PDB file of N, CA and C in Angstrom:
ATOM      1  N   MET A   1      -5.682 -57.465  -8.842  1.00  0.00           N
ATOM      2  CA  MET A   1      -5.637 -56.290  -7.993  1.00  0.00           C
ATOM      3  C   MET A   1      -4.701 -55.228  -8.589  1.00  0.00           C
ATOM      4  N   PHE A   2      -3.500 -55.690  -9.053  1.00  0.00           N
ATOM      5  CA  PHE A   2      -2.522 -54.779  -9.651  1.00  0.00           C
ATOM      6  C   PHE A   2      -3.110 -54.118 -10.875  1.00  0.00           C
ATOM      7  N   VAL A   3      -3.852 -54.865 -11.677  1.00  0.00           N
ATOM      8  CA  VAL A   3      -4.427 -54.302 -12.921  1.00  0.00           C
ATOM      9  C   VAL A   3      -5.439 -53.230 -12.565  1.00  0.00           C
ATOM     10  N   VAL A   4      -6.257 -53.440 -11.578  1.00  0.00           N
ATOM     11  CA  VAL A   4      -7.262 -52.453 -11.161  1.00  0.00           C
ATOM     12  C   VAL A   4      -6.533 -51.201 -10.674  1.00  0.00           C
ATOM     13  N   ALA A   5      -5.501 -51.370  -9.863  1.00  0.00           N
ATOM     14  CA  ALA A   5      -4.738 -50.205  -9.371  1.00  0.00           C
ATOM     15  C   ALA A   5      -4.078 -49.435 -10.518  1.00  0.00           C
ATOM     16  N   ALA A   6      -3.534 -50.186 -11.489  1.00  0.00           N
ATOM     17  CA  ALA A   6      -2.899 -49.515 -12.643  1.00  0.00           C
ATOM     18  C   ALA A   6      -3.920 -48.759 -13.472  1.00  0.00           C
ATOM     19  N   VAL A   7      -5.104 -49.309 -13.663  1.00  0.00           N
ATOM     20  CA  VAL A   7      -6.130 -48.625 -14.406  1.00  0.00           C
ATOM     21  C   VAL A   7      -6.591 -47.377 -13.667  1.00  0.00           C
ATOM     22  N   LEU A   8      -6.790 -47.482 -12.375  1.00  0.00           N
ATOM     23  CA  LEU A   8      -7.204 -46.309 -11.602  1.00  0.00           C
ATOM     24  C   LEU A   8      -6.133 -45.212 -11.613  1.00  0.00           C
ATOM     25  N   LEU A   9      -4.896 -45.578 -11.487  1.00  0.00           N
ATOM     26  CA  LEU A   9      -3.805 -44.601 -11.548  1.00  0.00           C
ATOM     27  C   LEU A   9      -3.792 -43.972 -12.971  1.00  0.00           C
ATOM     28  N   GLY A  10      -3.988 -44.757 -13.975  1.00  0.00           N
ATOM     29  CA  GLY A  10      -4.033 -44.212 -15.351  1.00  0.00           C
ATOM     30  C   GLY A  10      -5.154 -43.243 -15.532  1.00  0.00           C
ATOM     31  N   LEU A  11      -6.342 -43.574 -15.024  1.00  0.00           N
ATOM     32  CA  LEU A  11      -7.483 -42.669 -15.128  1.00  0.00           C
ATOM     33  C   LEU A  11      -7.258 -41.382 -14.318  1.00  0.00           C
ATOM     34  N   LEU A  12      -6.661 -41.518 -13.158  1.00  0.00           N
ATOM     35  CA  LEU A  12      -6.317 -40.370 -12.320  1.00  0.00           C
ATOM     36  C   LEU A  12      -5.341 -39.467 -13.084  1.00  0.00           C
ATOM     37  N   GLY A  13      -4.288 -40.076 -13.680  1.00  0.00           N
ATOM     38  CA  GLY A  13      -3.339 -39.316 -14.432  1.00  0.00           C
ATOM     39  C   GLY A  13      -3.979 -38.590 -15.607  1.00  0.00           C
ATOM     40  N   LEU A  14      -4.845 -39.311 -16.306  1.00  0.00           N
ATOM     41  CA  LEU A  14      -5.542 -38.684 -17.441  1.00  0.00           C
ATOM     42  C   LEU A  14      -6.403 -37.521 -16.980  1.00  0.00           C
ATOM     43  N   PHE A  15      -7.089 -37.692 -15.877  1.00  0.00           N
ATOM     44  CA  PHE A  15      -7.906 -36.611 -15.305  1.00  0.00           C
ATOM     45  C   PHE A  15      -7.064 -35.395 -14.972  1.00  0.00           C
ATOM     46  N   LEU A  16      -5.869 -35.637 -14.450  1.00  0.00           N
ATOM     47  CA  LEU A  16      -4.991 -34.521 -14.112  1.00  0.00           C
ATOM     48  C   LEU A  16      -4.355 -33.875 -15.314  1.00  0.00           C
ATOM     49  N   LEU A  17      -4.220 -34.603 -16.398  1.00  0.00           N
ATOM     50  CA  LEU A  17      -3.571 -34.072 -17.609  1.00  0.00           C
ATOM     51  C   LEU A  17      -4.501 -33.349 -18.534  1.00  0.00           C
ATOM     52  N   VAL A  18      -5.802 -33.646 -18.487  1.00  0.00           N
ATOM     53  CA  VAL A  18      -6.767 -33.061 -19.420  1.00  0.00           C
ATOM     54  C   VAL A  18      -7.036 -31.632 -18.996  1.00  0.00           C
ATOM     55  N   PRO A  19      -6.778 -30.647 -19.896  1.00  0.00           N
ATOM     56  CA  PRO A  19      -7.062 -29.259 -19.511  1.00  0.00           C
ATOM     57  C   PRO A  19      -8.524 -29.012 -19.252  1.00  0.00           C
ATOM     58  N   ARG A  20      -8.800 -28.207 -18.245  1.00  0.00           N
ATOM     59  CA  ARG A  20     -10.187 -27.869 -17.912  1.00  0.00           C
ATOM     60  C   ARG A  20     -10.269 -26.354 -17.907  1.00  0.00           C
ATOM     61  N   GLY A  21     -11.424 -25.851 -18.293  1.00  0.00           N
ATOM     62  CA  GLY A  21     -11.652 -24.394 -18.271  1.00  0.00           C
ATOM     63  C   GLY A  21     -11.561 -23.901 -16.834  1.00  0.00           C
ATOM     64  N   ASN A  22     -10.936 -22.763 -16.658  1.00  0.00           N
ATOM     65  CA  ASN A  22     -10.748 -22.206 -15.330  1.00  0.00           C
ATOM     66  C   ASN A  22     -10.682 -20.706 -15.422  1.00  0.00           C
ATOM     67  N   SER A  23     -11.846 -20.098 -15.260  1.00  0.00           N
ATOM     68  CA  SER A  23     -11.903 -18.647 -15.403  1.00  0.00           C
ATOM     69  C   SER A  23     -11.414 -17.899 -14.168  1.00  0.00           C
ATOM     70  N   SER A  24     -11.193 -18.621 -13.064  1.00  0.00           N
ATOM     71  CA  SER A  24     -10.768 -17.962 -11.860  1.00  0.00           C
ATOM     72  C   SER A  24      -9.295 -17.664 -11.835  1.00  0.00           C
ATOM     73  N   GLY A  25      -8.553 -18.226 -12.794  1.00  0.00           N
ATOM     74  CA  GLY A  25      -7.094 -17.994 -12.838  1.00  0.00           C
ATOM     75  C   GLY A  25      -6.344 -18.913 -11.928  1.00  0.00           C
ATOM     76  N   LYS A  26      -7.058 -19.773 -11.177  1.00  0.00           N
ATOM     77  CA  LYS A  26      -6.417 -20.735 -10.285  1.00  0.00           C
ATOM     78  C   LYS A  26      -5.949 -21.906 -11.092  1.00  0.00           C
ATOM     79  N   GLY A  27      -4.993 -22.617 -10.605  1.00  0.00           N
ATOM     80  CA  GLY A  27      -4.515 -23.824 -11.279  1.00  0.00           C
ATOM     81  C   GLY A  27      -3.311 -23.487 -12.139  1.00  0.00           C
ATOM     82  N   LYS A  28      -2.445 -24.456 -12.271  1.00  0.00           N
ATOM     83  CA  LYS A  28      -1.225 -24.249 -13.031  1.00  0.00           C
ATOM     84  C   LYS A  28      -1.346 -24.970 -14.355  1.00  0.00           C
ATOM     85  N   VAL A  29      -0.972 -24.280 -15.382  1.00  0.00           N
ATOM     86  CA  VAL A  29      -0.943 -24.924 -16.714  1.00  0.00           C
ATOM     87  C   VAL A  29       0.511 -25.247 -17.046  1.00  0.00           C
ATOM     88  N   VAL A  30       0.739 -26.511 -17.381  1.00  0.00           N
ATOM     89  CA  VAL A  30       2.064 -26.929 -17.716  1.00  0.00           C
ATOM     90  C   VAL A  30       2.416 -26.437 -19.122  1.00  0.00           C
ATOM     91  N   GLN A  31       3.519 -25.720 -19.237  1.00  0.00           N
ATOM     92  CA  GLN A  31       3.954 -25.162 -20.527  1.00  0.00           C
ATOM     93  C   GLN A  31       5.196 -25.911 -20.997  1.00  0.00           C
ATOM     94  N   ALA A  32       5.099 -26.508 -22.183  1.00  0.00           N
ATOM     95  CA  ALA A  32       6.259 -27.157 -22.785  1.00  0.00           C
ATOM     96  C   ALA A  32       7.002 -26.100 -23.620  1.00  0.00           C
ATOM     97  N   LYS A  33       8.243 -26.382 -23.867  1.00  0.00           N
ATOM     98  CA  LYS A  33       8.994 -25.489 -24.755  1.00  0.00           C
ATOM     99  C   LYS A  33       8.506 -25.687 -26.170  1.00  0.00           C
ATOM    100  N   PRO A  34       8.438 -24.583 -26.948  1.00  0.00           N
ATOM    101  CA  PRO A  34       7.961 -24.731 -28.294  1.00  0.00           C
ATOM    102  C   PRO A  34       8.901 -25.574 -29.146  1.00  0.00           C
ATOM    103  N   ARG A  35       8.282 -26.365 -30.036  1.00  0.00           N
ATOM    104  CA  ARG A  35       9.107 -27.200 -30.889  1.00  0.00           C
ATOM    105  C   ARG A  35       9.613 -26.387 -32.070  1.00  0.00           C
ATOM    106  N   SER A  36      10.789 -26.653 -32.443  1.00  0.00           N
ATOM    107  CA  SER A  36      11.393 -25.929 -33.573  1.00  0.00           C
ATOM    108  C   SER A  36      11.195 -26.729 -34.853  1.00  0.00           C
ATOM    109  N   ALA A  37      11.079 -26.029 -35.969  1.00  0.00           N
ATOM    110  CA  ALA A  37      10.971 -26.686 -37.239  1.00  0.00           C
ATOM    111  C   ALA A  37      12.346 -27.075 -37.797  1.00  0.00           C
ATOM    112  N   GLU A  38      13.382 -26.746 -37.034  1.00  0.00           N
ATOM    113  CA  GLU A  38      14.728 -27.034 -37.483  1.00  0.00           C
ATOM    114  C   GLU A  38      15.073 -28.518 -37.334  1.00  0.00           C
ATOM    115  N   VAL A  39      16.235 -28.877 -37.865  1.00  0.00           N
ATOM    116  CA  VAL A  39      16.766 -30.219 -37.705  1.00  0.00           C
ATOM    117  C   VAL A  39      16.958 -30.456 -36.235  1.00  0.00           C
ATOM    118  N   PRO A  40      16.561 -31.642 -35.688  1.00  0.00           N
ATOM    119  CA  PRO A  40      16.678 -31.903 -34.243  1.00  0.00           C
ATOM    120  C   PRO A  40      18.131 -31.729 -33.786  1.00  0.00           C
ATOM    121  N   LYS A  41      18.278 -31.126 -32.642  1.00  0.00           N
ATOM    122  CA  LYS A  41      19.582 -31.024 -32.012  1.00  0.00           C
ATOM    123  C   LYS A  41      20.009 -32.398 -31.510  1.00  0.00           C
ATOM    124  N   MET A  42      21.279 -32.660 -31.564  1.00  0.00           N
ATOM    125  CA  MET A  42      21.819 -33.926 -31.085  1.00  0.00           C
ATOM    126  C   MET A  42      22.535 -33.717 -29.745  1.00  0.00           C
ATOM    127  N   TYR A  43      22.271 -34.645 -28.844  1.00  0.00           N
ATOM    128  CA  TYR A  43      22.865 -34.606 -27.518  1.00  0.00           C
ATOM    129  C   TYR A  43      23.558 -35.914 -27.233  1.00  0.00           C
ATOM    130  N   THR A  44      24.711 -35.837 -26.528  1.00  0.00           N
ATOM    131  CA  THR A  44      25.359 -37.078 -26.112  1.00  0.00           C
ATOM    132  C   THR A  44      24.711 -37.532 -24.783  1.00  0.00           C
ATOM    133  N   LYS A  45      24.950 -38.771 -24.424  1.00  0.00           N
ATOM    134  CA  LYS A  45      24.408 -39.280 -23.162  1.00  0.00           C
ATOM    135  C   LYS A  45      25.043 -38.512 -22.002  1.00  0.00           C
ATOM    136  N   ALA A  46      26.289 -38.097 -22.134  1.00  0.00           N
ATOM    137  CA  ALA A  46      26.948 -37.308 -21.071  1.00  0.00           C
ATOM    138  C   ALA A  46      26.271 -35.949 -20.901  1.00  0.00           C
ATOM    139  N   GLU A  47      25.858 -35.296 -22.013  1.00  0.00           N
ATOM    140  CA  GLU A  47      25.174 -34.039 -21.892  1.00  0.00           C
ATOM    141  C   GLU A  47      23.825 -34.200 -21.215  1.00  0.00           C
ATOM    142  N   VAL A  48      23.088 -35.232 -21.544  1.00  0.00           N
ATOM    143  CA  VAL A  48      21.796 -35.483 -20.949  1.00  0.00           C
ATOM    144  C   VAL A  48      21.977 -35.777 -19.446  1.00  0.00           C
ATOM    145  N   ALA A  49      23.041 -36.485 -19.101  1.00  0.00           N
ATOM    146  CA  ALA A  49      23.239 -36.872 -17.700  1.00  0.00           C
ATOM    147  C   ALA A  49      23.386 -35.641 -16.754  1.00  0.00           C
ATOM    148  N   LEU A  50      23.744 -34.486 -17.298  1.00  0.00           N
ATOM    149  CA  LEU A  50      23.858 -33.269 -16.479  1.00  0.00           C
ATOM    150  C   LEU A  50      22.519 -32.757 -16.010  1.00  0.00           C
ATOM    151  N   HIS A  51      21.435 -33.203 -16.666  1.00  0.00           N
ATOM    152  CA  HIS A  51      20.073 -32.687 -16.347  1.00  0.00           C
ATOM    153  C   HIS A  51      19.332 -33.748 -15.551  1.00  0.00           C
ATOM    154  N   ASN A  52      19.743 -33.947 -14.329  1.00  0.00           N
ATOM    155  CA  ASN A  52      19.306 -35.073 -13.539  1.00  0.00           C
ATOM    156  C   ASN A  52      18.638 -34.729 -12.204  1.00  0.00           C
ATOM    157  N   LYS A  53      18.002 -33.554 -12.162  1.00  0.00           N
ATOM    158  CA  LYS A  53      17.369 -33.179 -10.874  1.00  0.00           C
ATOM    159  C   LYS A  53      15.978 -32.529 -11.146  1.00  0.00           C
ATOM    160  N   ARG A  54      15.273 -32.327 -10.080  1.00  0.00           N
ATOM    161  CA  ARG A  54      13.898 -31.807 -10.151  1.00  0.00           C
ATOM    162  C   ARG A  54      13.850 -30.479 -10.898  1.00  0.00           C
ATOM    163  N   SER A  55      14.837 -29.598 -10.683  1.00  0.00           N
ATOM    164  CA  SER A  55      14.841 -28.287 -11.294  1.00  0.00           C
ATOM    165  C   SER A  55      15.429 -28.260 -12.690  1.00  0.00           C
ATOM    166  N   ASP A  56      15.886 -29.414 -13.188  1.00  0.00           N
ATOM    167  CA  ASP A  56      16.473 -29.525 -14.515  1.00  0.00           C
ATOM    168  C   ASP A  56      16.443 -31.022 -14.918  1.00  0.00           C
ATOM    169  N   CYS A  57      15.300 -31.431 -15.494  1.00  0.00           N
ATOM    170  CA  CYS A  57      15.062 -32.846 -15.693  1.00  0.00           C
ATOM    171  C   CYS A  57      14.893 -33.180 -17.186  1.00  0.00           C
ATOM    172  N   TRP A  58      15.833 -33.930 -17.712  1.00  0.00           N
ATOM    173  CA  TRP A  58      15.721 -34.435 -19.108  1.00  0.00           C
ATOM    174  C   TRP A  58      15.602 -35.968 -19.032  1.00  0.00           C
ATOM    175  N   LEU A  59      14.896 -36.526 -19.978  1.00  0.00           N
ATOM    176  CA  LEU A  59      14.762 -37.982 -20.091  1.00  0.00           C
ATOM    177  C   LEU A  59      15.081 -38.423 -21.514  1.00  0.00           C
ATOM    178  N   ILE A  60      15.575 -39.642 -21.632  1.00  0.00           N
ATOM    179  CA  ILE A  60      15.758 -40.258 -22.912  1.00  0.00           C
ATOM    180  C   ILE A  60      14.672 -41.307 -23.074  1.00  0.00           C
ATOM    181  N   LEU A  61      13.913 -41.233 -24.159  1.00  0.00           N
ATOM    182  CA  LEU A  61      12.879 -42.189 -24.495  1.00  0.00           C
ATOM    183  C   LEU A  61      13.056 -42.598 -25.965  1.00  0.00           C
ATOM    184  N   LYS A  62      13.427 -43.835 -26.132  1.00  0.00           N
ATOM    185  CA  LYS A  62      13.681 -44.381 -27.478  1.00  0.00           C
ATOM    186  C   LYS A  62      14.598 -43.458 -28.325  1.00  0.00           C
ATOM    187  N   ASP A  63      15.731 -43.105 -27.733  1.00  0.00           N
ATOM    188  CA  ASP A  63      16.761 -42.277 -28.385  1.00  0.00           C
ATOM    189  C   ASP A  63      16.327 -40.851 -28.714  1.00  0.00           C
ATOM    190  N   LYS A  64      15.217 -40.395 -28.115  1.00  0.00           N
ATOM    191  CA  LYS A  64      14.815 -38.984 -28.230  1.00  0.00           C
ATOM    192  C   LYS A  64      14.993 -38.348 -26.859  1.00  0.00           C
ATOM    193  N   ILE A  65      15.280 -37.066 -26.842  1.00  0.00           N
ATOM    194  CA  ILE A  65      15.540 -36.349 -25.612  1.00  0.00           C
ATOM    195  C   ILE A  65      14.345 -35.433 -25.311  1.00  0.00           C
ATOM    196  N   PHE A  66      13.895 -35.437 -24.072  1.00  0.00           N
ATOM    197  CA  PHE A  66      12.732 -34.660 -23.640  1.00  0.00           C
ATOM    198  C   PHE A  66      13.117 -33.884 -22.372  1.00  0.00           C
ATOM    199  N   ASP A  67      12.873 -32.537 -22.411  1.00  0.00           N
ATOM    200  CA  ASP A  67      13.077 -31.714 -21.234  1.00  0.00           C
ATOM    201  C   ASP A  67      11.735 -31.604 -20.517  1.00  0.00           C
ATOM    202  N   VAL A  68      11.579 -32.364 -19.480  1.00  0.00           N
ATOM    203  CA  VAL A  68      10.300 -32.437 -18.727  1.00  0.00           C
ATOM    204  C   VAL A  68      10.325 -31.620 -17.424  1.00  0.00           C
ATOM    205  N   THR A  69      11.285 -30.730 -17.315  1.00  0.00           N
ATOM    206  CA  THR A  69      11.437 -29.948 -16.117  1.00  0.00           C
ATOM    207  C   THR A  69      10.160 -29.289 -15.670  1.00  0.00           C
ATOM    208  N   SER A  70       9.442 -28.653 -16.609  1.00  0.00           N
ATOM    209  CA  SER A  70       8.213 -27.932 -16.266  1.00  0.00           C
ATOM    210  C   SER A  70       7.089 -28.848 -15.908  1.00  0.00           C
ATOM    211  N   TYR A  71       7.226 -30.165 -16.129  1.00  0.00           N
ATOM    212  CA  TYR A  71       6.196 -31.142 -15.876  1.00  0.00           C
ATOM    213  C   TYR A  71       6.395 -31.896 -14.569  1.00  0.00           C
ATOM    214  N   VAL A  72       7.608 -31.875 -14.032  1.00  0.00           N
ATOM    215  CA  VAL A  72       7.943 -32.679 -12.863  1.00  0.00           C
ATOM    216  C   VAL A  72       6.948 -32.514 -11.716  1.00  0.00           C
ATOM    217  N   GLU A  73       6.616 -31.288 -11.376  1.00  0.00           N
ATOM    218  CA  GLU A  73       5.685 -31.071 -10.246  1.00  0.00           C
ATOM    219  C   GLU A  73       4.279 -31.488 -10.547  1.00  0.00           C
ATOM    220  N   GLU A  74       3.905 -31.613 -11.808  1.00  0.00           N
ATOM    221  CA  GLU A  74       2.534 -32.002 -12.202  1.00  0.00           C
ATOM    222  C   GLU A  74       2.401 -33.504 -12.459  1.00  0.00           C
ATOM    223  N   HIS A  75       3.494 -34.229 -12.442  1.00  0.00           N
ATOM    224  CA  HIS A  75       3.494 -35.681 -12.756  1.00  0.00           C
ATOM    225  C   HIS A  75       2.587 -36.439 -11.762  1.00  0.00           C
ATOM    226  N   PRO A  76       1.531 -37.097 -12.279  1.00  0.00           N
ATOM    227  CA  PRO A  76       0.625 -37.805 -11.421  1.00  0.00           C
ATOM    228  C   PRO A  76       1.297 -38.940 -10.574  1.00  0.00           C
ATOM    229  N   GLY A  77       2.428 -39.424 -11.034  1.00  0.00           N
ATOM    230  CA  GLY A  77       3.128 -40.450 -10.312  1.00  0.00           C
ATOM    231  C   GLY A  77       4.131 -39.892  -9.315  1.00  0.00           C
ATOM    232  N   GLY A  78       4.030 -38.608  -9.031  1.00  0.00           N
ATOM    233  CA  GLY A  78       4.962 -38.001  -8.065  1.00  0.00           C
ATOM    234  C   GLY A  78       6.400 -38.010  -8.549  1.00  0.00           C
ATOM    235  N   ASP A  79       7.277 -38.304  -7.618  1.00  0.00           N
ATOM    236  CA  ASP A  79       8.707 -38.283  -7.899  1.00  0.00           C
ATOM    237  C   ASP A  79       9.210 -39.428  -8.741  1.00  0.00           C
ATOM    238  N   SER A  80       8.367 -40.349  -9.124  1.00  0.00           N
ATOM    239  CA  SER A  80       8.831 -41.489  -9.928  1.00  0.00           C
ATOM    240  C   SER A  80       9.390 -41.000 -11.250  1.00  0.00           C
ATOM    241  N   ILE A  81       8.997 -39.829 -11.707  1.00  0.00           N
ATOM    242  CA  ILE A  81       9.520 -39.284 -12.972  1.00  0.00           C
ATOM    243  C   ILE A  81      11.019 -38.977 -12.808  1.00  0.00           C
ATOM    244  N   LEU A  82      11.470 -38.848 -11.568  1.00  0.00           N
ATOM    245  CA  LEU A  82      12.913 -38.531 -11.329  1.00  0.00           C
ATOM    246  C   LEU A  82      13.771 -39.776 -11.233  1.00  0.00           C
ATOM    247  N   ASN A  83      13.165 -40.955 -11.234  1.00  0.00           N
ATOM    248  CA  ASN A  83      13.925 -42.206 -11.085  1.00  0.00           C
ATOM    249  C   ASN A  83      15.075 -42.320 -12.110  1.00  0.00           C
ATOM    250  N   ASN A  84      14.833 -41.868 -13.329  1.00  0.00           N
ATOM    251  CA  ASN A  84      15.866 -41.972 -14.359  1.00  0.00           C
ATOM    252  C   ASN A  84      16.189 -40.621 -14.966  1.00  0.00           C
ATOM    253  N   ALA A  85      16.056 -39.573 -14.165  1.00  0.00           N
ATOM    254  CA  ALA A  85      16.350 -38.207 -14.667  1.00  0.00           C
ATOM    255  C   ALA A  85      17.793 -38.173 -15.161  1.00  0.00           C
ATOM    256  N   GLY A  86      17.947 -37.596 -16.338  1.00  0.00           N
ATOM    257  CA  GLY A  86      19.264 -37.502 -16.955  1.00  0.00           C
ATOM    258  C   GLY A  86      19.730 -38.818 -17.577  1.00  0.00           C
ATOM    259  N   ASP A  87      18.825 -39.753 -17.729  1.00  0.00           N
ATOM    260  CA  ASP A  87      19.187 -41.076 -18.249  1.00  0.00           C
ATOM    261  C   ASP A  87      18.053 -41.639 -19.087  1.00  0.00           C
ATOM    262  N   ASP A  88      18.195 -42.916 -19.498  1.00  0.00           N
ATOM    263  CA  ASP A  88      17.215 -43.577 -20.312  1.00  0.00           C
ATOM    264  C   ASP A  88      16.022 -44.011 -19.481  1.00  0.00           C
ATOM    265  N   SER A  89      14.840 -43.515 -19.807  1.00  0.00           N
ATOM    266  CA  SER A  89      13.607 -43.857 -19.073  1.00  0.00           C
ATOM    267  C   SER A  89      12.660 -44.692 -19.906  1.00  0.00           C
ATOM    268  N   THR A  90      13.134 -45.201 -21.061  1.00  0.00           N
ATOM    269  CA  THR A  90      12.256 -45.903 -21.993  1.00  0.00           C
ATOM    270  C   THR A  90      11.480 -47.033 -21.360  1.00  0.00           C
ATOM    271  N   GLU A  91      12.186 -47.881 -20.629  1.00  0.00           N
ATOM    272  CA  GLU A  91      11.541 -49.053 -20.023  1.00  0.00           C
ATOM    273  C   GLU A  91      10.428 -48.669 -19.072  1.00  0.00           C
ATOM    274  N   GLY A  92      10.670 -47.756 -18.180  1.00  0.00           N
ATOM    275  CA  GLY A  92       9.704 -47.329 -17.206  1.00  0.00           C
ATOM    276  C   GLY A  92       8.567 -46.544 -17.844  1.00  0.00           C
ATOM    277  N   PHE A  93       8.855 -45.752 -18.870  1.00  0.00           N
ATOM    278  CA  PHE A  93       7.867 -44.916 -19.498  1.00  0.00           C
ATOM    279  C   PHE A  93       6.788 -45.740 -20.218  1.00  0.00           C
ATOM    280  N   TYR A  94       7.221 -46.805 -20.853  1.00  0.00           N
ATOM    281  CA  TYR A  94       6.300 -47.638 -21.638  1.00  0.00           C
ATOM    282  C   TYR A  94       5.660 -48.772 -20.813  1.00  0.00           C
ATOM    283  N   GLY A  95       5.557 -48.562 -19.531  1.00  0.00           N
ATOM    284  CA  GLY A  95       4.932 -49.526 -18.625  1.00  0.00           C
ATOM    285  C   GLY A  95       3.400 -49.344 -18.562  1.00  0.00           C
ATOM    286  N   PRO A  96       2.722 -50.218 -17.875  1.00  0.00           N
ATOM    287  CA  PRO A  96       1.267 -50.185 -17.842  1.00  0.00           C
ATOM    288  C   PRO A  96       0.656 -49.007 -17.038  1.00  0.00           C
ATOM    289  N   GLN A  97       1.498 -48.269 -16.333  1.00  0.00           N
ATOM    290  CA  GLN A  97       0.982 -47.175 -15.480  1.00  0.00           C
ATOM    291  C   GLN A  97       0.586 -45.938 -16.285  1.00  0.00           C
ATOM    292  N   HIS A  98       1.031 -45.839 -17.524  1.00  0.00           N
ATOM    293  CA  HIS A  98       0.747 -44.654 -18.323  1.00  0.00           C
ATOM    294  C   HIS A  98      -0.440 -44.852 -19.274  1.00  0.00           C
ATOM    295  N   PRO A  99      -1.391 -43.935 -19.243  1.00  0.00           N
ATOM    296  CA  PRO A  99      -2.511 -44.019 -20.208  1.00  0.00           C
ATOM    297  C   PRO A  99      -1.991 -43.607 -21.587  1.00  0.00           C
ATOM    298  N   GLY A 100      -2.722 -44.004 -22.604  1.00  0.00           N
ATOM    299  CA  GLY A 100      -2.288 -43.772 -23.999  1.00  0.00           C
ATOM    300  C   GLY A 100      -2.011 -42.318 -24.306  1.00  0.00           C
ATOM    301  N   GLY A 101      -2.717 -41.377 -23.743  1.00  0.00           N
ATOM    302  CA  GLY A 101      -2.564 -39.946 -24.008  1.00  0.00           C
ATOM    303  C   GLY A 101      -1.186 -39.419 -23.622  1.00  0.00           C
ATOM    304  N   VAL A 102      -0.490 -40.065 -22.738  1.00  0.00           N
ATOM    305  CA  VAL A 102       0.817 -39.591 -22.283  1.00  0.00           C
ATOM    306  C   VAL A 102       1.834 -39.641 -23.417  1.00  0.00           C
ATOM    307  N   PHE A 103       1.638 -40.515 -24.346  1.00  0.00           N
ATOM    308  CA  PHE A 103       2.581 -40.671 -25.471  1.00  0.00           C
ATOM    309  C   PHE A 103       2.537 -39.426 -26.382  1.00  0.00           C
ATOM    310  N   GLN A 104       1.366 -38.822 -26.499  1.00  0.00           N
ATOM    311  CA  GLN A 104       1.247 -37.561 -27.246  1.00  0.00           C
ATOM    312  C   GLN A 104       1.702 -36.383 -26.401  1.00  0.00           C
ATOM    313  N   LEU A 105       1.374 -36.390 -25.150  1.00  0.00           N
ATOM    314  CA  LEU A 105       1.759 -35.301 -24.246  1.00  0.00           C
ATOM    315  C   LEU A 105       3.285 -35.125 -24.221  1.00  0.00           C
ATOM    316  N   VAL A 106       4.014 -36.200 -24.143  1.00  0.00           N
ATOM    317  CA  VAL A 106       5.453 -36.140 -24.006  1.00  0.00           C
ATOM    318  C   VAL A 106       6.110 -35.511 -25.220  1.00  0.00           C
ATOM    319  N   GLU A 107       5.491 -35.603 -26.366  1.00  0.00           N
ATOM    320  CA  GLU A 107       6.030 -35.013 -27.606  1.00  0.00           C
ATOM    321  C   GLU A 107       6.184 -33.500 -27.470  1.00  0.00           C
ATOM    322  N   ASP A 108       5.360 -32.862 -26.611  1.00  0.00           N
ATOM    323  CA  ASP A 108       5.491 -31.439 -26.408  1.00  0.00           C
ATOM    324  C   ASP A 108       6.801 -31.037 -25.732  1.00  0.00           C
ATOM    325  N   PHE A 109       7.489 -31.973 -25.132  1.00  0.00           N
ATOM    326  CA  PHE A 109       8.701 -31.707 -24.401  1.00  0.00           C
ATOM    327  C   PHE A 109       9.964 -32.130 -25.168  1.00  0.00           C
ATOM    328  N   TYR A 110       9.769 -32.560 -26.390  1.00  0.00           N
ATOM    329  CA  TYR A 110      10.910 -33.073 -27.234  1.00  0.00           C
ATOM    330  C   TYR A 110      11.870 -31.943 -27.530  1.00  0.00           C
ATOM    331  N   ILE A 111      13.168 -32.176 -27.326  1.00  0.00           N
ATOM    332  CA  ILE A 111      14.149 -31.133 -27.596  1.00  0.00           C
ATOM    333  C   ILE A 111      15.261 -31.629 -28.558  1.00  0.00           C
ATOM    334  N   GLY A 112      15.321 -32.936 -28.842  1.00  0.00           N
ATOM    335  CA  GLY A 112      16.387 -33.396 -29.730  1.00  0.00           C
ATOM    336  C   GLY A 112      16.503 -34.918 -29.690  1.00  0.00           C
ATOM    337  N   ASP A 113      17.607 -35.366 -30.320  1.00  0.00           N
ATOM    338  CA  ASP A 113      17.846 -36.821 -30.405  1.00  0.00           C
ATOM    339  C   ASP A 113      19.178 -37.152 -29.742  1.00  0.00           C
ATOM    340  N   LEU A 114      19.293 -38.431 -29.372  1.00  0.00           N
ATOM    341  CA  LEU A 114      20.508 -38.941 -28.735  1.00  0.00           C
ATOM    342  C   LEU A 114      21.543 -39.207 -29.825  1.00  0.00           C
ATOM    343  N   LYS A 115      22.740 -38.631 -29.594  1.00  0.00           N
ATOM    344  CA  LYS A 115      23.838 -38.870 -30.496  1.00  0.00           C
ATOM    345  C   LYS A 115      24.441 -40.209 -30.170  1.00  0.00           C
ATOM    346  N   LYS A 116      24.577 -41.022 -31.193  1.00  0.00           N
ATOM    347  CA  LYS A 116      25.104 -42.388 -30.953  1.00  0.00           C
ATOM    348  C   LYS A 116      26.590 -42.453 -31.161  1.00  0.00           C
TER     349      LYS A 116
END
């Protein structure tokens, strides 16, 4: 039963993430910050911890930092994206609830690396 629910949630999430043509101007398009060709900026865990709310949400995933603020309201899992806001979300992110496409999507929100 859990597997079926996880697959359905994954498909729903994928449906919500795939851009669709919309000539009416309705619907919100999630915009990520443009990636820089520069050397990645380094952030301490303390710096990341300051970005721990809906209006300013950064996540750590495998020692990379992602500013997902503009995606919080679009997250198919609702507020679960805020569970580890400003902290390491690696374990939860790589769970069965995420479809494969989310791993490419999150790269659009990359802003730097965790300073060790």
